[in-house]
N, C-alpha and C. Protein backbone atom coordinates (compact mmCIF):
# COMPACT_ATOMS: atom_id res chain seq x y z
N UNK A 1 0.68 -1.78 0.19
CA UNK A 1 0.25 -0.14 -0.13
C UNK A 1 0.64 1.48 0.06
N UNK A 2 0.39 1.97 -0.66
CA UNK A 2 1.03 3.68 -0.57
C UNK A 2 0.44 4.35 0.12
N UNK A 3 1.25 5.10 0.70
CA UNK A 3 1.42 5.76 1.92
C UNK A 3 1.35 7.36 1.46
N UNK A 4 -0.30 8.12 1.51
CA UNK A 4 -0.09 9.60 0.99
C UNK A 4 0.26 10.29 2.71
N UNK A 5 0.81 12.19 2.77
CA UNK A 5 1.16 12.55 3.62
C UNK A 5 0.61 13.46 3.48
N UNK A 6 -0.73 14.25 4.35
CA UNK A 6 -1.83 15.03 4.72
C UNK A 6 -1.03 16.51 4.22
N UNK A 7 -1.88 17.01 3.80
CA UNK A 7 -0.99 18.74 3.77
C UNK A 7 -2.22 19.06 4.83
N UNK A 8 -0.92 19.72 5.87
CA UNK A 8 -2.21 20.79 6.21
C UNK A 8 -2.55 22.07 5.44
N UNK A 9 -3.82 22.37 5.54
CA UNK A 9 -4.30 23.03 4.65
C UNK A 9 -3.84 24.96 5.15
N UNK A 10 -3.22 25.07 6.42
CA UNK A 10 -2.25 26.24 6.75
C UNK A 10 -1.37 26.87 5.83
N UNK A 11 -0.56 25.57 5.97
CA UNK A 11 0.64 24.95 5.28
C UNK A 11 0.74 25.29 3.62
N UNK A 12 -0.78 24.79 2.96
CA UNK A 12 -0.91 25.03 1.49
C UNK A 12 -1.46 26.49 1.31
N UNK A 13 -1.93 26.85 2.31
CA UNK A 13 -2.79 28.58 2.55
C UNK A 13 -0.95 29.47 2.46
N UNK A 14 -0.12 28.53 3.04
CA UNK A 14 0.82 29.94 3.26
C UNK A 14 1.58 29.91 1.83
N UNK A 15 1.64 28.40 1.97
CA UNK A 15 2.36 28.09 0.11
C UNK A 15 1.70 29.29 -0.82
N UNK A 16 0.39 29.29 -1.09
CA UNK A 16 -0.46 29.89 -2.18
C UNK A 16 0.14 31.41 -1.83
N UNK A 17 -0.36 32.00 -0.80
CA UNK A 17 -0.11 33.38 -0.68
C UNK A 17 1.28 33.61 -1.09
N UNK A 18 2.31 32.82 -0.44
CA UNK A 18 4.02 33.42 -0.59
C UNK A 18 4.12 33.15 -2.16
N UNK A 19 3.11 32.25 -2.85
CA UNK A 19 3.35 32.55 -4.35
C UNK A 19 2.88 33.76 -5.45
N UNK A 20 1.64 34.14 -4.69
CA UNK A 20 1.24 35.18 -5.25
C UNK A 20 2.03 36.03 -4.76
N UNK A 21 2.79 36.41 -3.31
CA UNK A 21 3.22 37.65 -3.24
C UNK A 21 4.75 38.01 -4.19
N UNK A 22 5.36 36.53 -4.35
CA UNK A 22 6.22 36.39 -5.36
C UNK A 22 5.69 37.16 -6.84
N UNK A 23 4.83 36.49 -7.00
CA UNK A 23 4.57 36.59 -8.43
C UNK A 23 3.94 38.71 -8.78
N UNK A 24 3.72 39.09 -7.48
CA UNK A 24 3.51 40.61 -7.93
C UNK A 24 4.44 41.19 -7.50
N UNK A 25 5.81 40.73 -6.99
CA UNK A 25 7.03 41.48 -6.81
C UNK A 25 7.29 41.32 -8.18
N UNK A 26 7.36 40.60 -9.46
CA UNK A 26 8.15 40.27 -10.27
C UNK A 26 7.49 40.74 -10.95
N UNK A 27 5.98 41.23 -11.19
CA UNK A 27 5.46 41.71 -12.71
C UNK A 27 5.26 43.72 -11.75
N UNK A 28 5.37 43.62 -10.37
CA UNK A 28 5.83 45.46 -10.17
C UNK A 28 7.09 45.83 -10.81
N UNK A 29 8.16 44.24 -10.69
CA UNK A 29 9.57 44.81 -11.48
C UNK A 29 9.35 45.03 -13.16
N UNK A 30 9.23 43.81 -13.55
CA UNK A 30 8.61 44.29 -15.02
C UNK A 30 7.68 45.17 -15.63
N UNK A 31 6.89 45.68 -14.16
CA UNK A 31 6.24 46.86 -14.95
C UNK A 31 7.04 48.47 -14.79
N UNK A 32 7.60 48.39 -13.50
CA UNK A 32 8.17 49.71 -13.24
C UNK A 32 9.54 49.62 -14.89
N UNK A 33 10.46 48.57 -15.34
CA UNK A 33 10.68 48.62 -16.65
C UNK A 33 10.12 49.26 -17.52
N UNK A 34 9.03 48.18 -17.93
CA UNK A 34 8.62 48.90 -18.66
C UNK A 34 7.81 50.34 -19.38
N UNK A 35 7.29 50.93 -17.94
CA UNK A 35 7.29 52.37 -17.97
C UNK A 35 8.34 52.93 -18.24
N UNK A 36 9.46 52.80 -17.53
CA UNK A 36 10.89 53.79 -17.86
C UNK A 36 10.90 53.55 -19.10
N UNK A 37 10.88 52.63 -19.75
CA UNK A 37 11.37 52.15 -21.37
C UNK A 37 10.31 53.35 -22.30
N UNK A 38 8.83 53.14 -22.00
CA UNK A 38 8.40 53.99 -22.47
C UNK A 38 8.48 55.49 -22.21
N UNK A 39 8.64 55.71 -21.62
CA UNK A 39 8.98 57.00 -21.22
C UNK A 39 10.32 57.84 -21.66
N UNK A 40 11.35 56.74 -21.59
CA UNK A 40 12.62 56.96 -22.46
C UNK A 40 12.37 56.96 -23.81
N UNK A 41 11.30 56.24 -24.48
CA UNK A 41 11.56 56.26 -26.30
C UNK A 41 10.01 57.86 -26.59
N UNK A 42 9.94 58.37 -25.76
CA UNK A 42 9.07 59.32 -25.53
C UNK A 42 10.40 60.66 -25.54
N UNK A 43 10.90 60.41 -24.93
CA UNK A 43 12.36 61.21 -25.47
C UNK A 43 12.76 61.78 -23.43
N UNK A 44 11.66 61.28 -22.45
CA UNK A 44 11.81 61.64 -21.11
C UNK A 44 12.09 61.07 -20.81
N UNK A 45 12.56 61.27 -19.02
CA UNK A 45 13.19 60.30 -18.08
C UNK A 45 11.82 59.71 -16.77
N UNK A 46 11.71 58.60 -16.42
CA UNK A 46 11.62 58.42 -15.05
C UNK A 46 11.92 59.10 -13.77
N UNK A 47 11.50 59.62 -12.81
CA UNK A 47 12.20 60.41 -11.65
C UNK A 47 11.54 59.92 -10.47
N UNK A 48 10.08 59.11 -10.47
CA UNK A 48 9.51 58.44 -9.67
C UNK A 48 8.61 57.00 -10.28
N UNK A 49 8.09 56.77 -9.67
CA UNK A 49 6.95 55.62 -9.61
C UNK A 49 6.40 55.11 -8.33
N UNK A 50 5.67 54.99 -7.88
CA UNK A 50 4.78 54.37 -7.28
C UNK A 50 3.38 54.26 -6.98
N UNK A 51 3.19 52.48 -6.76
CA UNK A 51 1.86 51.80 -7.18
C UNK A 51 0.91 52.65 -6.32
N UNK A 52 -0.25 52.60 -7.45
CA UNK A 52 -1.56 53.26 -7.16
C UNK A 52 -2.68 52.14 -7.21
N UNK A 53 -2.92 51.39 -6.60
CA UNK A 53 -3.88 50.31 -6.33
C UNK A 53 -4.82 50.84 -7.00
N UNK A 54 -5.51 52.31 -6.28
CA UNK A 54 -6.68 52.72 -6.88
C UNK A 54 -7.01 54.03 -7.55
N UNK A 55 -5.77 54.28 -8.26
CA UNK A 55 -5.64 55.31 -9.33
C UNK A 55 -7.05 55.08 -10.25
N UNK A 56 -7.22 56.14 -11.08
CA UNK A 56 -8.07 56.30 -12.00
C UNK A 56 -8.21 55.07 -13.20
N UNK A 57 -9.51 54.48 -13.03
CA UNK A 57 -9.45 53.60 -13.92
C UNK A 57 -9.13 52.10 -13.48
N UNK A 58 -9.03 51.91 -12.37
CA UNK A 58 -8.83 50.42 -11.64
C UNK A 58 -10.25 49.95 -11.40
N UNK A 59 -11.13 50.71 -10.99
CA UNK A 59 -12.70 49.35 -11.43
C UNK A 59 -12.87 48.82 -12.37
N UNK A 60 -13.01 47.06 -12.33
CA UNK A 60 -13.65 46.46 -13.30
C UNK A 60 -12.31 46.00 -14.04
N UNK A 61 -10.43 46.54 -14.02
CA UNK A 61 -10.14 46.11 -14.44
C UNK A 61 -9.36 44.61 -13.64
N UNK A 62 -8.94 43.80 -14.00
CA UNK A 62 -8.42 42.87 -13.60
C UNK A 62 -6.73 42.53 -13.56
N UNK A 63 -6.37 42.72 -14.56
CA UNK A 63 -5.15 42.48 -14.97
C UNK A 63 -4.11 43.71 -15.16
N UNK A 64 -4.44 44.97 -15.56
CA UNK A 64 -3.42 45.95 -15.02
C UNK A 64 -3.33 46.39 -13.92
N UNK A 65 -1.81 47.01 -13.79
CA UNK A 65 -1.41 47.42 -12.57
C UNK A 65 -1.79 48.97 -12.36
N UNK A 66 -1.90 49.69 -11.73
CA UNK A 66 -1.67 51.54 -12.04
C UNK A 66 -0.55 52.04 -11.34
N UNK A 67 -0.32 52.69 -11.83
CA UNK A 67 1.08 53.77 -11.14
C UNK A 67 1.25 55.18 -10.76
N UNK A 68 1.28 55.91 -9.43
CA UNK A 68 1.54 57.23 -10.34
C UNK A 68 3.40 57.44 -10.69
N UNK A 69 3.35 58.47 -11.70
CA UNK A 69 4.74 58.66 -11.64
C UNK A 69 5.21 60.36 -11.96
N UNK A 70 6.28 60.35 -11.89
CA UNK A 70 6.67 61.73 -12.22
C UNK A 70 8.02 61.06 -12.91
N UNK A 71 7.93 62.61 -14.73
CA UNK A 71 8.80 62.29 -15.29
C UNK A 71 9.34 63.44 -15.89
N UNK A 72 10.93 63.21 -16.34
CA UNK A 72 10.98 64.96 -17.26
C UNK A 72 10.77 64.52 -18.57
N UNK A 73 10.11 65.85 -19.15
CA UNK A 73 10.41 65.58 -21.29
C UNK A 73 11.14 66.20 -21.58
N UNK A 74 11.33 65.99 -22.63
CA UNK A 74 12.49 66.20 -23.92
C UNK A 74 12.42 67.97 -23.44
N UNK A 75 11.76 68.49 -22.83
CA UNK A 75 12.25 70.36 -22.63
C UNK A 75 12.07 70.08 -21.21
N UNK A 76 12.77 69.16 -20.51
CA UNK A 76 12.98 68.96 -19.28
C UNK A 76 11.57 69.37 -17.90
N UNK A 77 10.46 69.38 -18.60
CA UNK A 77 9.45 70.29 -18.12
C UNK A 77 8.92 68.51 -16.73
N UNK A 78 8.94 68.76 -15.65
CA UNK A 78 8.72 68.11 -15.04
C UNK A 78 6.55 67.72 -15.02
N UNK A 79 6.43 66.23 -14.74
CA UNK A 79 5.63 65.71 -15.05
C UNK A 79 5.18 64.91 -14.19
N UNK A 80 3.25 65.04 -13.67
CA UNK A 80 2.88 63.97 -13.11
C UNK A 80 1.63 63.49 -13.69
N UNK A 81 1.40 62.30 -14.02
CA UNK A 81 0.09 61.01 -14.57
C UNK A 81 0.44 59.93 -13.69
N UNK A 82 -0.77 59.46 -14.05
CA UNK A 82 -0.83 58.09 -14.12
C UNK A 82 -0.78 56.50 -15.04
N UNK A 83 -0.26 55.99 -14.98
CA UNK A 83 -0.01 55.32 -15.96
C UNK A 83 -0.48 53.77 -15.28
N UNK A 84 -1.48 53.08 -16.75
CA UNK A 84 -1.99 51.91 -16.46
C UNK A 84 -1.03 51.11 -17.35
N UNK A 85 -0.44 50.00 -16.56
CA UNK A 85 0.19 48.93 -17.82
C UNK A 85 0.16 47.31 -17.39
N UNK A 86 0.35 46.36 -18.07
CA UNK A 86 0.28 44.79 -17.48
C UNK A 86 1.07 44.45 -19.16
N UNK A 87 1.56 43.44 -18.51
CA UNK A 87 2.46 42.28 -19.30
C UNK A 87 1.97 42.59 -21.19
N UNK A 88 0.63 42.81 -21.12
CA UNK A 88 0.26 42.30 -22.50
C UNK A 88 -0.85 43.12 -22.84
N UNK A 89 -0.79 44.56 -22.33
CA UNK A 89 -1.82 45.64 -23.22
C UNK A 89 -0.67 47.00 -23.10
N UNK A 90 0.30 47.09 -22.44
CA UNK A 90 1.09 48.25 -23.14
C UNK A 90 1.30 48.75 -21.86
N UNK A 91 1.49 50.40 -22.25
CA UNK A 91 1.50 51.04 -21.02
C UNK A 91 0.74 52.01 -21.95
N UNK A 92 -0.70 52.87 -20.84
CA UNK A 92 -1.01 53.66 -20.62
C UNK A 92 -0.84 54.94 -19.86
N UNK A 93 -0.65 56.18 -20.44
CA UNK A 93 -1.04 57.77 -19.35
C UNK A 93 -2.25 58.08 -19.15
N UNK A 94 -2.66 58.62 -18.06
CA UNK A 94 -4.01 58.95 -17.96
C UNK A 94 -3.39 60.44 -17.03
N UNK A 95 -4.11 61.46 -17.06
CA UNK A 95 -4.18 62.92 -16.24
C UNK A 95 -2.54 63.30 -16.06
N UNK A 96 -2.11 63.48 -17.26
CA UNK A 96 -0.60 63.65 -16.93
C UNK A 96 -0.85 65.38 -17.25
N UNK A 97 0.13 65.77 -15.89
CA UNK A 97 -0.18 67.32 -15.91
C UNK A 97 1.50 67.90 -15.50
N UNK A 98 1.29 68.85 -16.22
CA UNK A 98 2.84 69.61 -16.02
C UNK A 98 2.84 69.99 -14.87
N UNK A 99 3.54 70.18 -14.13
CA UNK A 99 3.92 70.88 -13.02
C UNK A 99 5.15 71.61 -12.53
N UNK A 100 6.17 71.25 -13.32
CA UNK A 100 6.82 72.44 -12.67
C UNK A 100 7.65 72.44 -14.55
N UNK A 101 8.07 73.85 -14.76
CA UNK A 101 9.02 73.47 -16.13
C UNK A 101 7.70 74.25 -17.05
């Protein structure tokens, strides 16, 4: 007879939680690189980025993540904007406002 080990539900739940956290951290790193490259293609430079889970457009969105960013453009004007991104959807800026320059 083959014996099987019982899996403690708490251990299983903890493992799932750890995997979810790791995947979120990996997605965050990829998002930040994707946004920085997008801003660089526009001729700007990303200055600051922070996750904004309840930024504009969050409701009803399942896979995209939203960040609040600050970046400088070609003329060195400082902008503040929200950006929505995911691995498959690309990068979309919203509420882009020049705050100095």
